[in-house]
Amino acid sequence: MFLKDIYIYPIKSLGGIRLESAMLEEKGFQYDRRWMLVDENGLFCSQRTLPQMALLQVQLEANGLLVNVKTDPNQKIHIPFENSNEEEIRVEIWEDQVVAQVLDAAINEWFSGQLRTKCRLVVMNKKANRRLKPKYAVHNEEVSFADGMPYLIIGQSSLDDLNEKLDIPVPMDRFRPNLVFSGGEAFLEDGWDKIRIGEATFKITKPCARCVMTTIDQNSGIKNKEPLKTLSKYRTVGNNVMFGQNMLLLGGEKVQIGDLITAI
């Protein structure tokens, strides 16, 4: 089995970026979900309620992020890594509340205009202290603005298995993984406890419960019923539909496409 794809999503719920290699951090890949859009009350925004967020694509630049509109690439804005605004607010993401730094007003106005709703972009700074739930943590690890875990891995064979059951196949971007591997049978990742990817090691924490975001076409922002409808027929555990495995980092600094993957 080999590492096939690496993805990061610098701004939560916006378009992801495929990388050839990525630096590993406790909270997740470097730059992964370190920024997040929040509403006027500080609650995180996502495609669950704002599917048009799928139409905003993020790119990495030397000194910041570039965000453009997929349907009109000329509509774009630069977000510097160095934030000049010192305003901090408490933001809410699921059951957690953390301190985050607000970006400049012009950036917030651009996103509010594109999404047609009042919102602000915040960045996770050093004051943020978002810990994993104790039952999943190994060494009291922290996590970024991801839904709950630092890393998500899915086997290409698992997606192939799903697509065989669908009238119209879906791409992997519906599931927003960080790592995709080739080789092995479908849902092999469900049986793992620890894995090695190249020189790095990870602990599998729990299956990933899927939501309505998987039904949003990432190129059009249009919702449908699939693939969640089909997945629910054979991947339901309790009240949740499972696809992919969450992980935390045990050790290592970097992974790259082509790295060998082994269960340990």
C-alpha atoms as a PDB file:
ATOM      1  CA  MET A   1       0.000   0.000   0.000  1.00  0.00           C
ATOM      2  CA  PHE A   2       1.240   3.453  -0.902  1.00  0.00           C
ATOM      3  CA  LEU A   3       0.269   7.030  -0.141  1.00  0.00           C
ATOM      4  CA  LYS A   4      -1.619   8.216  -3.216  1.00  0.00           C
ATOM      5  CA  ASP A   5      -2.876  11.698  -2.296  1.00  0.00           C
ATOM      6  CA  ILE A   6      -2.260  14.360   0.336  1.00  0.00           C
ATOM      7  CA  TYR A   7      -4.827  17.101   0.928  1.00  0.00           C
ATOM      8  CA  ILE A   8      -5.035  20.129   3.169  1.00  0.00           C
ATOM      9  CA  TYR A   9      -7.962  22.493   3.704  1.00  0.00           C
ATOM     10  CA  PRO A  10      -6.413  25.697   5.065  1.00  0.00           C
ATOM     11  CA  ILE A  11      -9.788  27.433   5.513  1.00  0.00           C
ATOM     12  CA  LYS A  12     -12.343  25.091   7.029  1.00  0.00           C
ATOM     13  CA  SER A  13     -15.071  24.012   4.562  1.00  0.00           C
ATOM     14  CA  LEU A  14     -13.460  25.721   1.549  1.00  0.00           C
ATOM     15  CA  GLY A  15     -11.821  23.967  -1.403  1.00  0.00           C
ATOM     16  CA  GLY A  16      -8.840  21.749  -0.580  1.00  0.00           C
ATOM     17  CA  ILE A  17      -5.310  21.630  -1.958  1.00  0.00           C
ATOM     18  CA  ARG A  18      -3.470  18.522  -3.168  1.00  0.00           C
ATOM     19  CA  LEU A  19       0.201  18.435  -2.159  1.00  0.00           C
ATOM     20  CA  GLU A  20       3.149  16.276  -3.141  1.00  0.00           C
ATOM     21  CA  SER A  21       4.427  16.342   0.432  1.00  0.00           C
ATOM     22  CA  ALA A  22       3.331  17.873   3.724  1.00  0.00           C
ATOM     23  CA  MET A  23       4.807  18.708   7.097  1.00  0.00           C
ATOM     24  CA  LEU A  24       3.278  16.914  10.068  1.00  0.00           C
ATOM     25  CA  GLU A  25       2.151  18.740  13.194  1.00  0.00           C
ATOM     26  CA  GLU A  26       0.258  17.572  16.262  1.00  0.00           C
ATOM     27  CA  LYS A  27      -2.838  19.573  15.261  1.00  0.00           C
ATOM     28  CA  GLY A  28      -2.783  18.211  11.706  1.00  0.00           C
ATOM     29  CA  PHE A  29      -0.847  18.963   8.534  1.00  0.00           C
ATOM     30  CA  GLN A  30       0.864  22.349   8.420  1.00  0.00           C
ATOM     31  CA  TYR A  31      -1.728  24.976   7.348  1.00  0.00           C
ATOM     32  CA  ASP A  32      -4.610  22.481   7.531  1.00  0.00           C
ATOM     33  CA  ARG A  33      -7.778  24.110   8.921  1.00  0.00           C
ATOM     34  CA  ARG A  34      -5.908  26.862  10.728  1.00  0.00           C
ATOM     35  CA  TRP A  35      -8.389  29.435   9.365  1.00  0.00           C
ATOM     36  CA  MET A  36     -12.165  29.364   9.728  1.00  0.00           C
ATOM     37  CA  LEU A  37     -15.165  31.484   8.830  1.00  0.00           C
ATOM     38  CA  VAL A  38     -17.530  32.326  11.691  1.00  0.00           C
ATOM     39  CA  ASP A  39     -20.889  34.064  11.854  1.00  0.00           C
ATOM     40  CA  GLU A  40     -21.759  37.153  13.900  1.00  0.00           C
ATOM     41  CA  ASN A  41     -22.017  35.031  17.035  1.00  0.00           C
ATOM     42  CA  GLY A  42     -18.629  33.372  16.536  1.00  0.00           C
ATOM     43  CA  LEU A  43     -20.147  30.045  15.452  1.00  0.00           C
ATOM     44  CA  PHE A  44     -18.217  28.222  12.734  1.00  0.00           C
ATOM     45  CA  CYS A  45     -19.565  28.274   9.183  1.00  0.00           C
ATOM     46  CA  SER A  46     -19.609  25.179   6.980  1.00  0.00           C
ATOM     47  CA  GLN A  47     -21.052  23.777   3.783  1.00  0.00           C
ATOM     48  CA  ARG A  48     -23.729  22.070   5.861  1.00  0.00           C
ATOM     49  CA  THR A  49     -25.645  25.351   5.959  1.00  0.00           C
ATOM     50  CA  LEU A  50     -23.725  27.341   3.328  1.00  0.00           C
ATOM     51  CA  PRO A  51     -23.099  24.933   0.414  1.00  0.00           C
ATOM     52  CA  GLN A  52     -21.812  27.849  -1.689  1.00  0.00           C
ATOM     53  CA  MET A  53     -18.621  27.682   0.398  1.00  0.00           C
ATOM     54  CA  ALA A  54     -17.622  24.807  -1.904  1.00  0.00           C
ATOM     55  CA  LEU A  55     -17.153  27.360  -4.703  1.00  0.00           C
ATOM     56  CA  LEU A  56     -14.323  29.150  -2.895  1.00  0.00           C
ATOM     57  CA  GLN A  57     -10.961  27.603  -3.750  1.00  0.00           C
ATOM     58  CA  VAL A  58      -7.817  28.089  -1.664  1.00  0.00           C
ATOM     59  CA  GLN A  59      -4.247  28.113  -2.951  1.00  0.00           C
ATOM     60  CA  LEU A  60      -0.971  28.245  -1.048  1.00  0.00           C
ATOM     61  CA  GLU A  61       1.391  31.095  -1.854  1.00  0.00           C
ATOM     62  CA  ALA A  62       4.807  31.948  -0.429  1.00  0.00           C
ATOM     63  CA  ASN A  63       3.475  34.564   1.989  1.00  0.00           C
ATOM     64  CA  GLY A  64      -0.154  33.599   2.444  1.00  0.00           C
ATOM     65  CA  LEU A  65      -3.305  32.116   0.974  1.00  0.00           C
ATOM     66  CA  LEU A  66      -5.055  33.056  -2.236  1.00  0.00           C
ATOM     67  CA  VAL A  67      -8.797  32.440  -2.379  1.00  0.00           C
ATOM     68  CA  ASN A  68     -10.734  32.652  -5.625  1.00  0.00           C
ATOM     69  CA  VAL A  69     -14.220  31.818  -6.859  1.00  0.00           C
ATOM     70  CA  LYS A  70     -14.255  28.614  -8.926  1.00  0.00           C
ATOM     71  CA  THR A  71     -16.874  29.996 -11.301  1.00  0.00           C
ATOM     72  CA  ASP A  72     -15.046  33.341 -11.682  1.00  0.00           C
ATOM     73  CA  PRO A  73     -11.314  33.064 -10.925  1.00  0.00           C
ATOM     74  CA  ASN A  74     -10.906  36.839 -11.284  1.00  0.00           C
ATOM     75  CA  GLN A  75     -12.825  37.203  -8.028  1.00  0.00           C
ATOM     76  CA  LYS A  76     -10.014  36.619  -5.558  1.00  0.00           C
ATOM     77  CA  ILE A  77      -8.425  37.820  -2.347  1.00  0.00           C
ATOM     78  CA  HIS A  78      -5.019  37.392  -0.706  1.00  0.00           C
ATOM     79  CA  ILE A  79      -4.797  36.413   2.965  1.00  0.00           C
ATOM     80  CA  PRO A  80      -1.325  37.018   4.429  1.00  0.00           C
ATOM     81  CA  PHE A  81       0.180  34.608   6.906  1.00  0.00           C
ATOM     82  CA  GLU A  82       1.109  37.616   9.061  1.00  0.00           C
ATOM     83  CA  ASN A  83      -2.111  39.102  10.408  1.00  0.00           C
ATOM     84  CA  SER A  84      -1.946  42.814  11.283  1.00  0.00           C
ATOM     85  CA  ASN A  85      -5.273  42.802  13.137  1.00  0.00           C
ATOM     86  CA  GLU A  86      -4.850  42.131  16.866  1.00  0.00           C
ATOM     87  CA  GLU A  87      -8.577  41.671  17.641  1.00  0.00           C
ATOM     88  CA  GLU A  88      -9.362  38.352  19.301  1.00  0.00           C
ATOM     89  CA  ILE A  89     -12.740  36.696  19.800  1.00  0.00           C
ATOM     90  CA  ARG A  90     -13.994  33.478  21.296  1.00  0.00           C
ATOM     91  CA  VAL A  91     -15.248  31.143  18.561  1.00  0.00           C
ATOM     92  CA  GLU A  92     -17.349  28.020  18.785  1.00  0.00           C
ATOM     93  CA  ILE A  93     -16.793  24.798  16.873  1.00  0.00           C
ATOM     94  CA  TRP A  94     -19.027  21.931  17.885  1.00  0.00           C
ATOM     95  CA  GLU A  95     -18.657  21.504  21.667  1.00  0.00           C
ATOM     96  CA  ASP A  96     -15.454  23.551  21.843  1.00  0.00           C
ATOM     97  CA  GLN A  97     -14.809  27.244  22.393  1.00  0.00           C
ATOM     98  CA  VAL A  98     -11.383  28.685  21.638  1.00  0.00           C
ATOM     99  CA  VAL A  99      -9.747  32.071  21.236  1.00  0.00           C
ATOM    100  CA  ALA A 100      -9.027  33.083  17.638  1.00  0.00           C
ATOM    101  CA  GLN A 101      -7.639  36.140  15.925  1.00  0.00           C
ATOM    102  CA  VAL A 102      -9.881  38.075  13.520  1.00  0.00           C
ATOM    103  CA  LEU A 103      -8.511  39.107  10.132  1.00  0.00           C
ATOM    104  CA  ASP A 104      -8.772  42.548   8.531  1.00  0.00           C
ATOM    105  CA  ALA A 105     -12.170  44.091   7.784  1.00  0.00           C
ATOM    106  CA  ALA A 106     -11.577  44.095   4.013  1.00  0.00           C
ATOM    107  CA  ILE A 107     -11.088  40.315   4.051  1.00  0.00           C
ATOM    108  CA  ASN A 108     -14.238  39.811   6.094  1.00  0.00           C
ATOM    109  CA  GLU A 109     -16.233  42.025   3.748  1.00  0.00           C
ATOM    110  CA  TRP A 110     -15.052  40.032   0.729  1.00  0.00           C
ATOM    111  CA  PHE A 111     -16.160  36.717   2.232  1.00  0.00           C
ATOM    112  CA  SER A 112     -19.456  38.190   3.426  1.00  0.00           C
ATOM    113  CA  GLY A 113     -20.140  39.406  -0.104  1.00  0.00           C
ATOM    114  CA  GLN A 114     -19.247  36.137  -1.778  1.00  0.00           C
ATOM    115  CA  LEU A 115     -21.290  34.018   0.634  1.00  0.00           C
ATOM    116  CA  ARG A 116     -24.128  36.563   0.917  1.00  0.00           C
ATOM    117  CA  THR A 117     -24.061  36.313   4.699  1.00  0.00           C
ATOM    118  CA  LYS A 118     -22.277  38.293   7.392  1.00  0.00           C
ATOM    119  CA  CYS A 119     -19.136  36.424   8.437  1.00  0.00           C
ATOM    120  CA  ARG A 120     -15.579  36.919   9.608  1.00  0.00           C
ATOM    121  CA  LEU A 121     -12.388  34.996   8.920  1.00  0.00           C
ATOM    122  CA  VAL A 122     -10.390  33.983  11.979  1.00  0.00           C
ATOM    123  CA  VAL A 123      -7.048  32.271  12.383  1.00  0.00           C
ATOM    124  CA  MET A 124      -5.949  29.885  15.125  1.00  0.00           C
ATOM    125  CA  ASN A 125      -3.168  31.493  17.104  1.00  0.00           C
ATOM    126  CA  LYS A 126      -0.939  30.388  19.952  1.00  0.00           C
ATOM    127  CA  LYS A 127      -3.582  31.237  22.550  1.00  0.00           C
ATOM    128  CA  ALA A 128      -5.926  28.609  21.145  1.00  0.00           C
ATOM    129  CA  ASN A 129      -6.076  25.501  23.291  1.00  0.00           C
ATOM    130  CA  ARG A 130      -8.370  22.960  21.680  1.00  0.00           C
ATOM    131  CA  ARG A 131      -7.671  19.535  23.128  1.00  0.00           C
ATOM    132  CA  LEU A 132      -8.825  16.181  21.828  1.00  0.00           C
ATOM    133  CA  LYS A 133     -11.406  14.422  23.936  1.00  0.00           C
ATOM    134  CA  PRO A 134      -9.484  12.424  26.590  1.00  0.00           C
ATOM    135  CA  LYS A 135     -10.859   9.072  25.401  1.00  0.00           C
ATOM    136  CA  TYR A 136      -9.143   9.561  22.028  1.00  0.00           C
ATOM    137  CA  ALA A 137      -5.956  11.364  23.060  1.00  0.00           C
ATOM    138  CA  VAL A 138      -2.630   9.619  23.686  1.00  0.00           C
ATOM    139  CA  HIS A 139      -0.599  12.557  25.025  1.00  0.00           C
ATOM    140  CA  ASN A 140      -3.261  15.248  25.549  1.00  0.00           C
ATOM    141  CA  GLU A 141      -2.989  16.277  21.887  1.00  0.00           C
ATOM    142  CA  GLU A 142      -4.441  19.453  20.405  1.00  0.00           C
ATOM    143  CA  VAL A 143      -6.410  19.747  17.181  1.00  0.00           C
ATOM    144  CA  SER A 144      -6.978  22.525  14.651  1.00  0.00           C
ATOM    145  CA  PHE A 145     -10.386  23.774  13.468  1.00  0.00           C
ATOM    146  CA  ALA A 146     -11.049  20.304  12.003  1.00  0.00           C
ATOM    147  CA  ASP A 147     -14.335  18.755  13.111  1.00  0.00           C
ATOM    148  CA  GLY A 148     -12.655  16.645  15.752  1.00  0.00           C
ATOM    149  CA  MET A 149      -9.426  14.892  14.756  1.00  0.00           C
ATOM    150  CA  PRO A 150      -6.067  15.977  13.301  1.00  0.00           C
ATOM    151  CA  TYR A 151      -5.944  13.527  10.364  1.00  0.00           C
ATOM    152  CA  LEU A 152      -8.372  11.551   8.184  1.00  0.00           C
ATOM    153  CA  ILE A 153      -7.342   8.640   5.960  1.00  0.00           C
ATOM    154  CA  ILE A 154      -9.370   6.783   3.306  1.00  0.00           C
ATOM    155  CA  GLY A 155      -8.412   3.918   0.999  1.00  0.00           C
ATOM    156  CA  GLN A 156      -8.994   4.397  -2.723  1.00  0.00           C
ATOM    157  CA  SER A 157     -10.441   0.875  -2.740  1.00  0.00           C
ATOM    158  CA  SER A 158     -13.123   2.012  -0.290  1.00  0.00           C
ATOM    159  CA  LEU A 159     -14.244   4.755  -2.666  1.00  0.00           C
ATOM    160  CA  ASP A 160     -14.109   2.328  -5.601  1.00  0.00           C
ATOM    161  CA  ASP A 161     -16.377  -0.034  -3.679  1.00  0.00           C
ATOM    162  CA  LEU A 162     -18.884   2.761  -3.078  1.00  0.00           C
ATOM    163  CA  ASN A 163     -18.784   3.949  -6.683  1.00  0.00           C
ATOM    164  CA  GLU A 164     -19.627   0.469  -7.932  1.00  0.00           C
ATOM    165  CA  LYS A 165     -22.935   0.867  -6.109  1.00  0.00           C
ATOM    166  CA  LEU A 166     -23.718   4.362  -7.410  1.00  0.00           C
ATOM    167  CA  ASP A 167     -25.371   5.295 -10.714  1.00  0.00           C
ATOM    168  CA  ILE A 168     -23.073   8.320 -10.919  1.00  0.00           C
ATOM    169  CA  PRO A 169     -19.622   7.882  -9.311  1.00  0.00           C
ATOM    170  CA  VAL A 170     -18.404  10.551  -6.903  1.00  0.00           C
ATOM    171  CA  PRO A 171     -14.855  11.846  -6.506  1.00  0.00           C
ATOM    172  CA  MET A 172     -12.837  11.605  -3.308  1.00  0.00           C
ATOM    173  CA  ASP A 173     -13.270  15.330  -2.625  1.00  0.00           C
ATOM    174  CA  ARG A 174     -16.776  14.614  -1.291  1.00  0.00           C
ATOM    175  CA  PHE A 175     -15.127  13.103   1.801  1.00  0.00           C
ATOM    176  CA  ARG A 176     -12.379  15.675   2.399  1.00  0.00           C
ATOM    177  CA  PRO A 177      -9.610  13.268   3.498  1.00  0.00           C
ATOM    178  CA  ASN A 178      -6.087  14.312   4.403  1.00  0.00           C
ATOM    179  CA  LEU A 179      -4.520  11.087   3.148  1.00  0.00           C
ATOM    180  CA  VAL A 180      -5.605   8.628   0.462  1.00  0.00           C
ATOM    181  CA  PHE A 181      -3.805   5.339  -0.073  1.00  0.00           C
ATOM    182  CA  SER A 182      -3.775   2.854  -2.934  1.00  0.00           C
ATOM    183  CA  GLY A 183      -3.690  -0.915  -2.564  1.00  0.00           C
ATOM    184  CA  GLY A 184      -5.441  -3.267  -0.194  1.00  0.00           C
ATOM    185  CA  GLU A 185      -9.074  -4.300  -0.083  1.00  0.00           C
ATOM    186  CA  ALA A 186     -12.024  -1.969   0.466  1.00  0.00           C
ATOM    187  CA  PHE A 187     -12.332  -0.661   4.028  1.00  0.00           C
ATOM    188  CA  LEU A 188      -9.043  -2.227   5.082  1.00  0.00           C
ATOM    189  CA  GLU A 189      -8.468   0.920   7.149  1.00  0.00           C
ATOM    190  CA  ASP A 190     -11.356  -0.067   9.438  1.00  0.00           C
ATOM    191  CA  GLY A 191      -9.226  -2.802  10.999  1.00  0.00           C
ATOM    192  CA  TRP A 192      -6.128  -0.738  11.738  1.00  0.00           C
ATOM    193  CA  ASP A 193      -4.876   0.325  15.159  1.00  0.00           C
ATOM    194  CA  LYS A 194      -1.557   1.959  14.289  1.00  0.00           C
ATOM    195  CA  ILE A 195       0.059   2.563  10.907  1.00  0.00           C
ATOM    196  CA  ARG A 196       3.361   3.730   9.518  1.00  0.00           C
ATOM    197  CA  ILE A 197       3.460   6.054   6.512  1.00  0.00           C
ATOM    198  CA  GLY A 198       7.027   6.428   5.349  1.00  0.00           C
ATOM    199  CA  GLU A 199       8.895   7.356   8.548  1.00  0.00           C
ATOM    200  CA  ALA A 200       5.806   8.664  10.370  1.00  0.00           C
ATOM    201  CA  THR A 201       3.493   6.742  12.680  1.00  0.00           C
ATOM    202  CA  PHE A 202      -0.183   7.359  13.426  1.00  0.00           C
ATOM    203  CA  LYS A 203      -2.791   6.063  15.848  1.00  0.00           C
ATOM    204  CA  ILE A 204      -6.267   5.300  14.479  1.00  0.00           C
ATOM    205  CA  THR A 205      -8.740   6.969  16.859  1.00  0.00           C
ATOM    206  CA  LYS A 206     -12.237   6.317  15.469  1.00  0.00           C
ATOM    207  CA  PRO A 207     -14.263   5.929  12.263  1.00  0.00           C
ATOM    208  CA  CYS A 208     -15.401   9.136  10.592  1.00  0.00           C
ATOM    209  CA  ALA A 209     -19.163   9.724  10.761  1.00  0.00           C
ATOM    210  CA  ARG A 210     -20.372  11.318   7.546  1.00  0.00           C
ATOM    211  CA  CYS A 211     -22.869  14.122   7.100  1.00  0.00           C
ATOM    212  CA  VAL A 212     -24.748  16.044   4.418  1.00  0.00           C
ATOM    213  CA  MET A 213     -21.500  17.633   3.190  1.00  0.00           C
ATOM    214  CA  THR A 214     -20.766  14.436   1.253  1.00  0.00           C
ATOM    215  CA  THR A 215     -23.841  15.181  -0.900  1.00  0.00           C
ATOM    216  CA  ILE A 216     -22.533  18.578  -2.086  1.00  0.00           C
ATOM    217  CA  ASP A 217     -20.865  18.716  -5.509  1.00  0.00           C
ATOM    218  CA  GLN A 218     -17.604  20.539  -4.840  1.00  0.00           C
ATOM    219  CA  ASN A 219     -17.569  22.128  -8.291  1.00  0.00           C
ATOM    220  CA  SER A 220     -21.139  23.419  -8.349  1.00  0.00           C
ATOM    221  CA  GLY A 221     -22.195  23.700  -4.694  1.00  0.00           C
ATOM    222  CA  ILE A 222     -25.368  21.734  -5.526  1.00  0.00           C
ATOM    223  CA  LYS A 223     -26.761  19.215  -3.031  1.00  0.00           C
ATOM    224  CA  ASN A 224     -28.058  15.772  -3.932  1.00  0.00           C
ATOM    225  CA  LYS A 225     -28.969  12.643  -1.945  1.00  0.00           C
ATOM    226  CA  GLU A 226     -25.918  10.633  -2.931  1.00  0.00           C
ATOM    227  CA  PRO A 227     -23.574   9.182  -1.882  1.00  0.00           C
ATOM    228  CA  LEU A 228     -25.004   9.331   1.663  1.00  0.00           C
ATOM    229  CA  LYS A 229     -28.179   7.479   0.669  1.00  0.00           C
ATOM    230  CA  THR A 230     -26.256   4.496  -0.687  1.00  0.00           C
ATOM    231  CA  LEU A 231     -23.602   4.554   2.038  1.00  0.00           C
ATOM    232  CA  SER A 232     -26.295   4.398   4.695  1.00  0.00           C
ATOM    233  CA  LYS A 233     -27.434   1.031   3.346  1.00  0.00           C
ATOM    234  CA  TYR A 234     -24.196  -0.741   4.188  1.00  0.00           C
ATOM    235  CA  ARG A 235     -22.003   1.556   6.269  1.00  0.00           C
ATOM    236  CA  THR A 236     -24.329   2.500   9.135  1.00  0.00           C
ATOM    237  CA  VAL A 237     -23.173   1.887  12.695  1.00  0.00           C
ATOM    238  CA  GLY A 238     -25.737   2.933  15.284  1.00  0.00           C
ATOM    239  CA  ASN A 239     -27.124   6.191  13.934  1.00  0.00           C
ATOM    240  CA  ASN A 240     -23.989   7.159  12.007  1.00  0.00           C
ATOM    241  CA  VAL A 241     -22.804   6.476   8.462  1.00  0.00           C
ATOM    242  CA  MET A 242     -19.089   5.679   8.577  1.00  0.00           C
ATOM    243  CA  PHE A 243     -16.499   6.234   5.858  1.00  0.00           C
ATOM    244  CA  GLY A 244     -12.776   6.722   6.533  1.00  0.00           C
ATOM    245  CA  GLN A 245     -10.740   6.637   9.721  1.00  0.00           C
ATOM    246  CA  ASN A 246      -9.613   9.481  11.961  1.00  0.00           C
ATOM    247  CA  MET A 247      -6.036   9.510  13.244  1.00  0.00           C
ATOM    248  CA  LEU A 248      -3.589  11.356  15.432  1.00  0.00           C
ATOM    249  CA  LEU A 249       0.159  11.678  14.980  1.00  0.00           C
ATOM    250  CA  LEU A 250       2.468   9.579  17.137  1.00  0.00           C
ATOM    251  CA  GLY A 251       5.748  10.572  15.507  1.00  0.00           C
ATOM    252  CA  GLY A 252       7.313  11.881  12.322  1.00  0.00           C
ATOM    253  CA  GLU A 253       7.916  15.148  10.534  1.00  0.00           C
ATOM    254  CA  LYS A 254       6.816  14.688   6.932  1.00  0.00           C
ATOM    255  CA  VAL A 255       4.982  12.425   4.473  1.00  0.00           C
ATOM    256  CA  GLN A 256       5.078  12.436   0.698  1.00  0.00           C
ATOM    257  CA  ILE A 257       3.282  10.836  -2.220  1.00  0.00           C
ATOM    258  CA  GLY A 258       4.550   7.302  -2.782  1.00  0.00           C
ATOM    259  CA  ASP A 259       5.379   6.588   0.867  1.00  0.00           C
ATOM    260  CA  LEU A 260       4.898   2.947   1.856  1.00  0.00           C
ATOM    261  CA  ILE A 261       2.025   2.318   4.273  1.00  0.00           C
ATOM    262  CA  THR A 262       2.086  -0.575   6.728  1.00  0.00           C
ATOM    263  CA  ALA A 263      -0.126  -1.571   9.625  1.00  0.00           C
ATOM    264  CA  ILE A 264       1.815  -1.993  12.869  1.00  0.00           C
END
